[in-house]
Amino acid sequence: MASYVWVDPPSGWRYGFPKIWNNQGDMQEWLIDNKYPENEIKRMGNLFYVRCWEATEEEIVKFGNM
């Protein structure tokens, strides 16, 4: 099973985060595809960060397709 994590970018609650990511591909592209504003990522530059923590199997089933 792939490693799934919760992802919570800065002010993510404004855009429906935290969300579960399958930990594949580019996270920043995934954030933008999931309605996180690209200008926020660019504005923070090298200081852009996200909080991540492991998702349980139950959470993946319940929230994985948000």
Protein backbone atom coordinates (compact mmCIF):
# COMPACT_ATOMS: atom_id res chain seq x y z
CA MET A 1 0.00 0.00 0.00
CA ALA A 2 1.27 3.47 -0.85
CA SER A 3 2.19 5.87 1.91
CA TYR A 4 -0.66 8.33 2.41
CA VAL A 5 -0.24 11.51 4.43
CA TRP A 6 -2.36 14.39 5.58
CA VAL A 7 -1.10 17.66 4.09
CA ASP A 8 -1.82 21.02 5.71
CA PRO A 9 -0.25 24.07 4.01
CA PRO A 10 -0.24 27.55 5.58
CA SER A 11 -3.83 28.85 5.92
CA GLY A 12 -4.93 25.63 4.30
CA TRP A 13 -8.29 25.71 6.07
CA ARG A 14 -9.28 28.51 3.69
CA TYR A 15 -8.95 26.10 0.77
CA GLY A 16 -10.33 22.87 2.24
CA PHE A 17 -7.15 21.50 3.79
CA PRO A 18 -5.91 19.35 5.40
CA LYS A 19 -6.34 16.75 2.67
CA ILE A 20 -4.93 13.28 2.14
CA TRP A 21 -2.20 12.97 -0.48
CA ASN A 22 -0.98 9.64 -1.89
CA ASN A 23 2.63 10.83 -1.60
CA GLN A 24 3.26 10.46 -5.33
CA GLY A 25 4.28 13.11 -7.83
CA ASP A 26 5.04 16.71 -7.03
CA MET A 27 3.34 17.96 -3.87
CA GLN A 28 3.20 21.58 -5.02
CA GLU A 29 1.47 20.59 -8.26
CA TRP A 30 -0.97 18.48 -6.24
CA LEU A 31 -1.66 21.43 -3.91
CA ILE A 32 -2.44 23.68 -6.87
CA ASP A 33 -4.63 20.98 -8.47
CA ASN A 34 -6.50 20.83 -5.15
CA LYS A 35 -7.27 24.56 -5.13
CA TYR A 36 -4.36 25.88 -3.06
CA PRO A 37 -3.33 29.21 -4.62
CA GLU A 38 -0.11 29.06 -6.59
CA ASN A 39 0.58 32.71 -5.73
CA GLU A 40 0.76 31.76 -2.02
CA ILE A 41 3.42 29.16 -2.77
CA LYS A 42 5.40 31.65 -4.87
CA ARG A 43 4.99 34.44 -2.33
CA MET A 44 6.60 32.35 0.42
CA GLY A 45 9.39 31.10 -1.85
CA ASN A 46 11.95 28.99 0.01
CA LEU A 47 10.04 29.55 3.24
CA PHE A 48 6.98 27.66 1.97
CA TYR A 49 6.27 24.66 4.18
CA VAL A 50 3.50 22.15 4.81
CA ARG A 51 2.66 20.12 7.87
CA CYS A 52 2.35 16.41 7.11
CA TRP A 53 1.40 13.42 9.20
CA GLU A 54 0.60 9.82 8.42
CA ALA A 55 -2.98 8.95 7.50
CA THR A 56 -4.51 5.82 9.00
CA GLU A 57 -6.24 3.23 6.82
CA GLU A 58 -9.61 4.31 8.23
CA GLU A 59 -8.93 7.95 7.33
CA ILE A 60 -7.85 6.99 3.83
CA VAL A 61 -11.12 5.12 3.27
CA LYS A 62 -13.25 7.89 4.80
CA PHE A 63 -11.50 11.02 3.51
CA GLY A 64 -9.20 9.86 0.71
CA ASN A 65 -11.37 11.12 -2.16
CA MET A 66 -12.19 14.56 -0.84
